[in-house]
């Protein structure tokens, strides 16, 4: 008797495990100050998952976690992890989040409120700062704070920009329009939220820091990722163009150097 079993659910990271990832990134930042925040990594990861080509892990980690110049050789070294254990832990947590996102994007959902849907790990930095004590807020006066989900969208587009060949418009006119529309929805989220803030996304009692238009744009961007995944799955991997080496004419000297005409030698 054959028993059908559903695929095992991805193990969703706990808040403590997301904090652990943040701690590892903070430690990496001590050795390379351009190490991104997790929200950037989250967007970068989503782009990799829906990319037309499966980018190998060593290839994309070299782009995401590039480190400072090596003191001795003055060359770039990949991933300035403190040790092998730290690297292994980061990659284990990374893979679990990857599996969780893949599962969310594969789910047939009609609403982002569905618990099976992909829910990006994004921050409302302005809201977090607004919740700080007055003295701490005063210390941050004048700092430019990212808008809701802005860093996530920037991370997504960073991956697109680093592998432009994989995001070339397809030949099909309808698919090109679909790709352009989806990417425009993500690009829109990389811009500042300049509309009147009326929402507190994560705290009903918090100070409003997000506009309705921004919140709707975020939902549109998440749906865009679903659209991109579906589009590339339907189109398939990009096919490399093969360039056949030109053969000599039948009456040309043969390329082997025999002195005979091609048609009397290798072309016979």
C-alpha atoms as a PDB file:
ATOM      1  CA  UNK A   1       0.000   0.000   0.000  1.00  0.00           C
ATOM      2  CA  UNK A   2       1.305   3.454  -0.951  1.00  0.00           C
ATOM      3  CA  UNK A   3       0.991   6.243   1.567  1.00  0.00           C
ATOM      4  CA  UNK A   4       1.078   9.843   0.369  1.00  0.00           C
ATOM      5  CA  UNK A   5       2.897  12.134   2.761  1.00  0.00           C
ATOM      6  CA  UNK A   6       3.055  15.901   2.561  1.00  0.00           C
ATOM      7  CA  UNK A   7       6.524  17.501   2.479  1.00  0.00           C
ATOM      8  CA  UNK A   8       7.825  18.380   5.908  1.00  0.00           C
ATOM      9  CA  UNK A   9       7.268  21.986   6.913  1.00  0.00           C
ATOM     10  CA  UNK A  10      10.355  24.156   7.065  1.00  0.00           C
ATOM     11  CA  UNK A  11      11.490  24.898  10.610  1.00  0.00           C
ATOM     12  CA  UNK A  12      10.666  28.590  11.028  1.00  0.00           C
ATOM     13  CA  UNK A  13      13.349  30.541  12.847  1.00  0.00           C
ATOM     14  CA  UNK A  14      12.430  31.714  16.322  1.00  0.00           C
ATOM     15  CA  UNK A  15      12.892  35.353  17.426  1.00  0.00           C
ATOM     16  CA  UNK A  16      15.892  34.185  19.436  1.00  0.00           C
ATOM     17  CA  UNK A  17      17.444  32.623  16.328  1.00  0.00           C
ATOM     18  CA  UNK A  18      16.906  35.815  14.318  1.00  0.00           C
ATOM     19  CA  UNK A  19      18.666  37.619  17.181  1.00  0.00           C
ATOM     20  CA  UNK A  20      21.484  35.099  16.854  1.00  0.00           C
ATOM     21  CA  UNK A  21      21.845  35.909  13.156  1.00  0.00           C
ATOM     22  CA  UNK A  22      21.939  39.614  14.000  1.00  0.00           C
ATOM     23  CA  UNK A  23      24.688  38.954  16.537  1.00  0.00           C
ATOM     24  CA  UNK A  24      26.775  37.079  13.972  1.00  0.00           C
ATOM     25  CA  UNK A  25      26.345  39.900  11.446  1.00  0.00           C
ATOM     26  CA  UNK A  26      27.309  42.419  14.140  1.00  0.00           C
ATOM     27  CA  UNK A  27      30.462  40.406  14.783  1.00  0.00           C
ATOM     28  CA  UNK A  28      31.281  40.266  11.059  1.00  0.00           C
ATOM     29  CA  UNK A  29      30.800  44.021  10.953  1.00  0.00           C
ATOM     30  CA  UNK A  30      33.662  44.408  13.434  1.00  0.00           C
ATOM     31  CA  UNK A  31      36.000  43.115  10.716  1.00  0.00           C
ATOM     32  CA  UNK A  32      34.195  44.559   7.689  1.00  0.00           C
ATOM     33  CA  UNK A  33      31.959  47.534   8.343  1.00  0.00           C
ATOM     34  CA  UNK A  34      29.967  47.071   5.115  1.00  0.00           C
ATOM     35  CA  UNK A  35      28.446  43.805   6.331  1.00  0.00           C
ATOM     36  CA  UNK A  36      24.695  44.282   5.760  1.00  0.00           C
ATOM     37  CA  UNK A  37      21.858  44.156   8.262  1.00  0.00           C
ATOM     38  CA  UNK A  38      19.626  41.084   8.255  1.00  0.00           C
ATOM     39  CA  UNK A  39      16.740  42.923   6.567  1.00  0.00           C
ATOM     40  CA  UNK A  40      19.039  43.540   3.575  1.00  0.00           C
ATOM     41  CA  UNK A  41      20.035  39.843   3.609  1.00  0.00           C
ATOM     42  CA  UNK A  42      16.359  38.872   3.707  1.00  0.00           C
ATOM     43  CA  UNK A  43      15.627  40.797   0.509  1.00  0.00           C
ATOM     44  CA  UNK A  44      18.805  39.517  -1.124  1.00  0.00           C
ATOM     45  CA  UNK A  45      17.801  35.947  -0.278  1.00  0.00           C
ATOM     46  CA  UNK A  46      14.301  36.377  -1.705  1.00  0.00           C
ATOM     47  CA  UNK A  47      15.787  37.582  -5.013  1.00  0.00           C
ATOM     48  CA  UNK A  48      18.092  34.574  -5.163  1.00  0.00           C
ATOM     49  CA  UNK A  49      15.198  32.198  -4.535  1.00  0.00           C
ATOM     50  CA  UNK A  50      13.102  33.590  -7.393  1.00  0.00           C
ATOM     51  CA  UNK A  51      16.074  34.226  -9.709  1.00  0.00           C
ATOM     52  CA  UNK A  52      15.935  32.574 -13.122  1.00  0.00           C
ATOM     53  CA  UNK A  53      19.188  30.672 -12.454  1.00  0.00           C
ATOM     54  CA  UNK A  54      20.082  28.922  -9.224  1.00  0.00           C
ATOM     55  CA  UNK A  55      23.114  30.926  -8.063  1.00  0.00           C
ATOM     56  CA  UNK A  56      25.620  28.695  -6.199  1.00  0.00           C
ATOM     57  CA  UNK A  57      26.086  29.537  -2.530  1.00  0.00           C
ATOM     58  CA  UNK A  58      29.831  30.346  -2.759  1.00  0.00           C
ATOM     59  CA  UNK A  59      29.064  32.750  -5.603  1.00  0.00           C
ATOM     60  CA  UNK A  60      26.361  34.711  -3.813  1.00  0.00           C
ATOM     61  CA  UNK A  61      28.034  34.715  -0.385  1.00  0.00           C
ATOM     62  CA  UNK A  62      31.116  36.285  -1.957  1.00  0.00           C
ATOM     63  CA  UNK A  63      28.864  39.144  -3.075  1.00  0.00           C
ATOM     64  CA  UNK A  64      26.825  39.439   0.118  1.00  0.00           C
ATOM     65  CA  UNK A  65      29.499  38.920   2.782  1.00  0.00           C
ATOM     66  CA  UNK A  66      32.602  40.262   1.118  1.00  0.00           C
ATOM     67  CA  UNK A  67      35.230  41.251   3.675  1.00  0.00           C
ATOM     68  CA  UNK A  68      37.884  43.926   4.050  1.00  0.00           C
ATOM     69  CA  UNK A  69      41.222  43.701   2.285  1.00  0.00           C
ATOM     70  CA  UNK A  70      43.497  41.044   3.674  1.00  0.00           C
ATOM     71  CA  UNK A  71      46.295  42.772   5.582  1.00  0.00           C
ATOM     72  CA  UNK A  72      48.989  40.465   4.220  1.00  0.00           C
ATOM     73  CA  UNK A  73      47.948  39.897   0.619  1.00  0.00           C
ATOM     74  CA  UNK A  74      45.806  42.993   0.108  1.00  0.00           C
ATOM     75  CA  UNK A  75      43.186  40.783  -1.514  1.00  0.00           C
ATOM     76  CA  UNK A  76      39.510  40.304  -0.801  1.00  0.00           C
ATOM     77  CA  UNK A  77      38.619  37.316   1.337  1.00  0.00           C
ATOM     78  CA  UNK A  78      35.140  35.853   1.468  1.00  0.00           C
ATOM     79  CA  UNK A  79      33.096  35.977   4.649  1.00  0.00           C
ATOM     80  CA  UNK A  80      35.120  37.230   7.601  1.00  0.00           C
ATOM     81  CA  UNK A  81      33.700  34.695  10.040  1.00  0.00           C
ATOM     82  CA  UNK A  82      35.475  34.435  13.362  1.00  0.00           C
ATOM     83  CA  UNK A  83      35.851  30.676  13.033  1.00  0.00           C
ATOM     84  CA  UNK A  84      34.432  27.587  11.338  1.00  0.00           C
ATOM     85  CA  UNK A  85      31.824  27.064  14.055  1.00  0.00           C
ATOM     86  CA  UNK A  86      30.412  30.566  13.592  1.00  0.00           C
ATOM     87  CA  UNK A  87      30.278  30.096   9.826  1.00  0.00           C
ATOM     88  CA  UNK A  88      28.559  26.718  10.147  1.00  0.00           C
ATOM     89  CA  UNK A  89      25.957  28.151  12.523  1.00  0.00           C
ATOM     90  CA  UNK A  90      25.233  31.113  10.252  1.00  0.00           C
ATOM     91  CA  UNK A  91      24.839  28.869   7.200  1.00  0.00           C
ATOM     92  CA  UNK A  92      22.563  26.482   9.109  1.00  0.00           C
ATOM     93  CA  UNK A  93      20.264  29.342  10.131  1.00  0.00           C
ATOM     94  CA  UNK A  94      20.505  30.824   6.629  1.00  0.00           C
ATOM     95  CA  UNK A  95      19.419  27.524   5.058  1.00  0.00           C
ATOM     96  CA  UNK A  96      16.449  27.174   7.395  1.00  0.00           C
ATOM     97  CA  UNK A  97      15.253  30.672   6.511  1.00  0.00           C
ATOM     98  CA  UNK A  98      15.820  29.891   2.822  1.00  0.00           C
ATOM     99  CA  UNK A  99      13.665  26.741   3.097  1.00  0.00           C
ATOM    100  CA  UNK A 100      10.978  28.680   4.980  1.00  0.00           C
ATOM    101  CA  UNK A 101      10.803  31.377   2.268  1.00  0.00           C
ATOM    102  CA  UNK A 102      10.720  28.778  -0.512  1.00  0.00           C
ATOM    103  CA  UNK A 103       7.846  27.014   1.210  1.00  0.00           C
ATOM    104  CA  UNK A 104       5.921  30.262   1.653  1.00  0.00           C
ATOM    105  CA  UNK A 105       6.352  31.207  -2.000  1.00  0.00           C
ATOM    106  CA  UNK A 106       5.302  27.732  -3.127  1.00  0.00           C
ATOM    107  CA  UNK A 107       2.067  27.859  -1.103  1.00  0.00           C
ATOM    108  CA  UNK A 108      -1.107  28.642  -3.017  1.00  0.00           C
ATOM    109  CA  UNK A 109      -2.399  31.569  -1.008  1.00  0.00           C
ATOM    110  CA  UNK A 110      -5.010  34.193  -1.801  1.00  0.00           C
ATOM    111  CA  UNK A 111      -4.106  36.563   1.018  1.00  0.00           C
ATOM    112  CA  UNK A 112      -0.869  37.590   2.680  1.00  0.00           C
ATOM    113  CA  UNK A 113      -2.706  37.141   5.978  1.00  0.00           C
ATOM    114  CA  UNK A 114      -2.523  33.388   5.323  1.00  0.00           C
ATOM    115  CA  UNK A 115      -0.052  31.932   7.810  1.00  0.00           C
ATOM    116  CA  UNK A 116       1.458  29.847   4.968  1.00  0.00           C
ATOM    117  CA  UNK A 117       2.378  32.950   2.950  1.00  0.00           C
ATOM    118  CA  UNK A 118       5.847  34.465   2.719  1.00  0.00           C
ATOM    119  CA  UNK A 119       6.214  37.058   5.454  1.00  0.00           C
ATOM    120  CA  UNK A 120       9.431  39.056   5.010  1.00  0.00           C
ATOM    121  CA  UNK A 121      11.405  39.864   8.125  1.00  0.00           C
ATOM    122  CA  UNK A 122      11.367  43.655   7.856  1.00  0.00           C
ATOM    123  CA  UNK A 123      11.715  46.478  10.355  1.00  0.00           C
ATOM    124  CA  UNK A 124       9.931  49.714  11.040  1.00  0.00           C
ATOM    125  CA  UNK A 125      13.069  51.562  12.099  1.00  0.00           C
ATOM    126  CA  UNK A 126      11.238  54.866  12.448  1.00  0.00           C
ATOM    127  CA  UNK A 127       8.709  53.211  14.710  1.00  0.00           C
ATOM    128  CA  UNK A 128      11.437  51.611  16.823  1.00  0.00           C
ATOM    129  CA  UNK A 129      13.181  54.958  17.268  1.00  0.00           C
ATOM    130  CA  UNK A 130       9.893  56.687  18.087  1.00  0.00           C
ATOM    131  CA  UNK A 131       9.394  54.183  20.917  1.00  0.00           C
ATOM    132  CA  UNK A 132      12.749  55.023  22.522  1.00  0.00           C
ATOM    133  CA  UNK A 133      12.969  57.212  25.626  1.00  0.00           C
ATOM    134  CA  UNK A 134      13.173  60.917  24.839  1.00  0.00           C
ATOM    135  CA  UNK A 135      16.865  61.174  25.736  1.00  0.00           C
ATOM    136  CA  UNK A 136      17.805  58.360  23.352  1.00  0.00           C
ATOM    137  CA  UNK A 137      15.647  59.846  20.569  1.00  0.00           C
ATOM    138  CA  UNK A 138      17.429  63.170  21.057  1.00  0.00           C
ATOM    139  CA  UNK A 139      20.788  61.468  20.496  1.00  0.00           C
ATOM    140  CA  UNK A 140      19.559  60.253  17.098  1.00  0.00           C
ATOM    141  CA  UNK A 141      18.194  63.617  15.994  1.00  0.00           C
ATOM    142  CA  UNK A 142      19.199  64.394  12.431  1.00  0.00           C
ATOM    143  CA  UNK A 143      19.921  60.788  11.479  1.00  0.00           C
ATOM    144  CA  UNK A 144      18.341  59.596   8.244  1.00  0.00           C
ATOM    145  CA  UNK A 145      16.163  56.594   9.088  1.00  0.00           C
ATOM    146  CA  UNK A 146      15.046  54.111   6.424  1.00  0.00           C
ATOM    147  CA  UNK A 147      11.375  53.790   5.619  1.00  0.00           C
ATOM    148  CA  UNK A 148       9.375  50.673   6.385  1.00  0.00           C
ATOM    149  CA  UNK A 149      10.751  47.701   4.360  1.00  0.00           C
ATOM    150  CA  UNK A 150      13.095  49.970   2.391  1.00  0.00           C
ATOM    151  CA  UNK A 151      16.250  48.042   3.326  1.00  0.00           C
ATOM    152  CA  UNK A 152      14.560  44.760   2.348  1.00  0.00           C
ATOM    153  CA  UNK A 153      13.742  46.102  -1.117  1.00  0.00           C
ATOM    154  CA  UNK A 154      17.267  47.495  -1.532  1.00  0.00           C
ATOM    155  CA  UNK A 155      18.662  44.042  -0.691  1.00  0.00           C
ATOM    156  CA  UNK A 156      16.424  42.454  -3.319  1.00  0.00           C
ATOM    157  CA  UNK A 157      17.486  44.907  -6.018  1.00  0.00           C
ATOM    158  CA  UNK A 158      21.149  44.495  -5.042  1.00  0.00           C
ATOM    159  CA  UNK A 159      20.923  40.841  -6.078  1.00  0.00           C
ATOM    160  CA  UNK A 160      19.175  41.811  -9.329  1.00  0.00           C
ATOM    161  CA  UNK A 161      21.941  44.321 -10.104  1.00  0.00           C
ATOM    162  CA  UNK A 162      24.711  41.804  -9.404  1.00  0.00           C
ATOM    163  CA  UNK A 163      23.328  39.158 -11.776  1.00  0.00           C
ATOM    164  CA  UNK A 164      21.822  41.289 -14.571  1.00  0.00           C
ATOM    165  CA  UNK A 165      21.981  38.485 -17.161  1.00  0.00           C
ATOM    166  CA  UNK A 166      19.548  36.428 -15.085  1.00  0.00           C
ATOM    167  CA  UNK A 167      17.054  39.302 -15.072  1.00  0.00           C
ATOM    168  CA  UNK A 168      17.132  40.139 -18.765  1.00  0.00           C
ATOM    169  CA  UNK A 169      13.621  40.631 -20.196  1.00  0.00           C
ATOM    170  CA  UNK A 170      12.303  37.466 -21.865  1.00  0.00           C
ATOM    171  CA  UNK A 171      11.346  37.482 -25.544  1.00  0.00           C
ATOM    172  CA  UNK A 172       7.640  37.041 -24.882  1.00  0.00           C
ATOM    173  CA  UNK A 173       5.976  40.465 -24.840  1.00  0.00           C
ATOM    174  CA  UNK A 174       3.524  39.575 -22.080  1.00  0.00           C
ATOM    175  CA  UNK A 175       6.288  38.101 -19.920  1.00  0.00           C
ATOM    176  CA  UNK A 176       8.435  41.224 -20.414  1.00  0.00           C
ATOM    177  CA  UNK A 177       5.561  43.354 -19.214  1.00  0.00           C
ATOM    178  CA  UNK A 178       5.066  41.047 -16.231  1.00  0.00           C
ATOM    179  CA  UNK A 179       8.772  41.253 -15.301  1.00  0.00           C
ATOM    180  CA  UNK A 180       8.886  45.039 -15.634  1.00  0.00           C
ATOM    181  CA  UNK A 181       5.763  45.491 -13.519  1.00  0.00           C
ATOM    182  CA  UNK A 182       7.045  43.201 -10.756  1.00  0.00           C
ATOM    183  CA  UNK A 183      10.455  44.869 -10.584  1.00  0.00           C
ATOM    184  CA  UNK A 184       8.901  48.333 -10.593  1.00  0.00           C
ATOM    185  CA  UNK A 185       6.852  47.379  -7.536  1.00  0.00           C
ATOM    186  CA  UNK A 186      10.073  46.437  -5.736  1.00  0.00           C
ATOM    187  CA  UNK A 187      11.962  49.503  -6.947  1.00  0.00           C
ATOM    188  CA  UNK A 188       9.129  51.699  -5.634  1.00  0.00           C
ATOM    189  CA  UNK A 189       9.791  50.333  -2.160  1.00  0.00           C
ATOM    190  CA  UNK A 190      13.437  51.417  -2.297  1.00  0.00           C
ATOM    191  CA  UNK A 191      12.228  55.031  -2.222  1.00  0.00           C
ATOM    192  CA  UNK A 192      11.423  56.987   0.936  1.00  0.00           C
ATOM    193  CA  UNK A 193       7.924  57.011   2.380  1.00  0.00           C
ATOM    194  CA  UNK A 194       7.053  60.696   2.123  1.00  0.00           C
ATOM    195  CA  UNK A 195       3.291  60.398   2.628  1.00  0.00           C
ATOM    196  CA  UNK A 196       1.573  61.202   5.907  1.00  0.00           C
ATOM    197  CA  UNK A 197       2.204  58.424   8.463  1.00  0.00           C
ATOM    198  CA  UNK A 198      -1.035  57.049   9.855  1.00  0.00           C
ATOM    199  CA  UNK A 199      -0.086  53.472  10.802  1.00  0.00           C
ATOM    200  CA  UNK A 200       1.996  51.823  13.483  1.00  0.00           C
ATOM    201  CA  UNK A 201       2.759  48.496  11.833  1.00  0.00           C
ATOM    202  CA  UNK A 202       3.965  46.395  14.757  1.00  0.00           C
ATOM    203  CA  UNK A 203       2.407  48.170  17.730  1.00  0.00           C
ATOM    204  CA  UNK A 204      -1.242  49.255  17.755  1.00  0.00           C
ATOM    205  CA  UNK A 205      -0.424  51.701  20.539  1.00  0.00           C
ATOM    206  CA  UNK A 206       2.719  53.040  18.866  1.00  0.00           C
ATOM    207  CA  UNK A 207       3.377  56.350  17.152  1.00  0.00           C
ATOM    208  CA  UNK A 208       2.228  56.277  13.488  1.00  0.00           C
ATOM    209  CA  UNK A 209       5.336  56.077  11.265  1.00  0.00           C
ATOM    210  CA  UNK A 210       4.063  54.367   8.094  1.00  0.00           C
ATOM    211  CA  UNK A 211       1.648  55.706   5.499  1.00  0.00           C
ATOM    212  CA  UNK A 212      -1.228  53.652   4.104  1.00  0.00           C
ATOM    213  CA  UNK A 213       0.291  54.002   0.637  1.00  0.00           C
ATOM    214  CA  UNK A 214       3.574  52.564   1.923  1.00  0.00           C
ATOM    215  CA  UNK A 215       1.897  49.622   3.594  1.00  0.00           C
ATOM    216  CA  UNK A 216      -0.011  48.838   0.392  1.00  0.00           C
ATOM    217  CA  UNK A 217       3.183  49.204  -1.658  1.00  0.00           C
ATOM    218  CA  UNK A 218       4.850  46.651   0.626  1.00  0.00           C
ATOM    219  CA  UNK A 219       2.038  44.156  -0.005  1.00  0.00           C
ATOM    220  CA  UNK A 220       2.340  44.800  -3.751  1.00  0.00           C
ATOM    221  CA  UNK A 221       6.084  44.115  -3.557  1.00  0.00           C
ATOM    222  CA  UNK A 222       5.533  40.785  -1.787  1.00  0.00           C
ATOM    223  CA  UNK A 223       3.017  39.750  -4.441  1.00  0.00           C
ATOM    224  CA  UNK A 224       5.579  40.811  -7.053  1.00  0.00           C
ATOM    225  CA  UNK A 225       7.963  38.188  -5.685  1.00  0.00           C
ATOM    226  CA  UNK A 226       5.275  35.550  -6.103  1.00  0.00           C
ATOM    227  CA  UNK A 227       4.789  36.753  -9.692  1.00  0.00           C
ATOM    228  CA  UNK A 228       8.509  36.596 -10.446  1.00  0.00           C
ATOM    229  CA  UNK A 229       8.769  33.063  -9.117  1.00  0.00           C
ATOM    230  CA  UNK A 230       5.842  31.931 -11.249  1.00  0.00           C
ATOM    231  CA  UNK A 231       7.110  33.697 -14.371  1.00  0.00           C
ATOM    232  CA  UNK A 232      10.633  32.253 -14.287  1.00  0.00           C
ATOM    233  CA  UNK A 233       9.302  28.777 -13.481  1.00  0.00           C
ATOM    234  CA  UNK A 234       7.092  28.939 -16.584  1.00  0.00           C
ATOM    235  CA  UNK A 235       9.856  30.280 -18.836  1.00  0.00           C
ATOM    236  CA  UNK A 236      12.642  28.042 -17.564  1.00  0.00           C
ATOM    237  CA  UNK A 237      16.408  28.573 -17.319  1.00  0.00           C
ATOM    238  CA  UNK A 238      18.145  30.933 -19.697  1.00  0.00           C
ATOM    239  CA  UNK A 239      19.666  29.097 -22.685  1.00  0.00           C
ATOM    240  CA  UNK A 240      23.175  30.162 -23.618  1.00  0.00           C
ATOM    241  CA  UNK A 241      23.669  31.030 -27.274  1.00  0.00           C
ATOM    242  CA  UNK A 242      26.131  28.647 -28.941  1.00  0.00           C
ATOM    243  CA  UNK A 243      28.414  30.177 -31.539  1.00  0.00           C
ATOM    244  CA  UNK A 244      29.546  27.600 -34.101  1.00  0.00           C
ATOM    245  CA  UNK A 245      33.053  28.104 -35.402  1.00  0.00           C
ATOM    246  CA  UNK A 246      33.021  29.109 -39.072  1.00  0.00           C
ATOM    247  CA  UNK A 247      34.297  26.406 -41.447  1.00  0.00           C
ATOM    248  CA  UNK A 248      36.473  27.278 -44.463  1.00  0.00           C
ATOM    249  CA  UNK A 249      34.835  27.393 -47.885  1.00  0.00           C
ATOM    250  CA  UNK A 250      35.058  24.247 -50.039  1.00  0.00           C
ATOM    251  CA  UNK A 251      37.654  25.845 -52.322  1.00  0.00           C
ATOM    252  CA  UNK A 252      39.660  27.465 -49.505  1.00  0.00           C
ATOM    253  CA  UNK A 253      42.985  25.978 -48.363  1.00  0.00           C
ATOM    254  CA  UNK A 254      42.383  23.312 -45.723  1.00  0.00           C
ATOM    255  CA  UNK A 255      42.994  24.460 -42.166  1.00  0.00           C
ATOM    256  CA  UNK A 256      45.293  21.480 -41.511  1.00  0.00           C
ATOM    257  CA  UNK A 257      48.066  22.990 -43.632  1.00  0.00           C
ATOM    258  CA  UNK A 258      48.202  20.183 -46.191  1.00  0.00           C
ATOM    259  CA  UNK A 259      48.112  22.653 -49.091  1.00  0.00           C
ATOM    260  CA  UNK A 260      45.054  20.949 -50.554  1.00  0.00           C
ATOM    261  CA  UNK A 261      41.659  22.576 -50.970  1.00  0.00           C
ATOM    262  CA  UNK A 262      39.286  21.950 -48.076  1.00  0.00           C
ATOM    263  CA  UNK A 263      36.912  19.914 -50.303  1.00  0.00           C
ATOM    264  CA  UNK A 264      39.783  17.563 -51.238  1.00  0.00           C
ATOM    265  CA  UNK A 265      41.058  17.182 -47.676  1.00  0.00           C
ATOM    266  CA  UNK A 266      39.132  17.443 -44.378  1.00  0.00           C
ATOM    267  CA  UNK A 267      35.977  18.529 -46.232  1.00  0.00           C
ATOM    268  CA  UNK A 268      35.884  15.365 -48.336  1.00  0.00           C
END
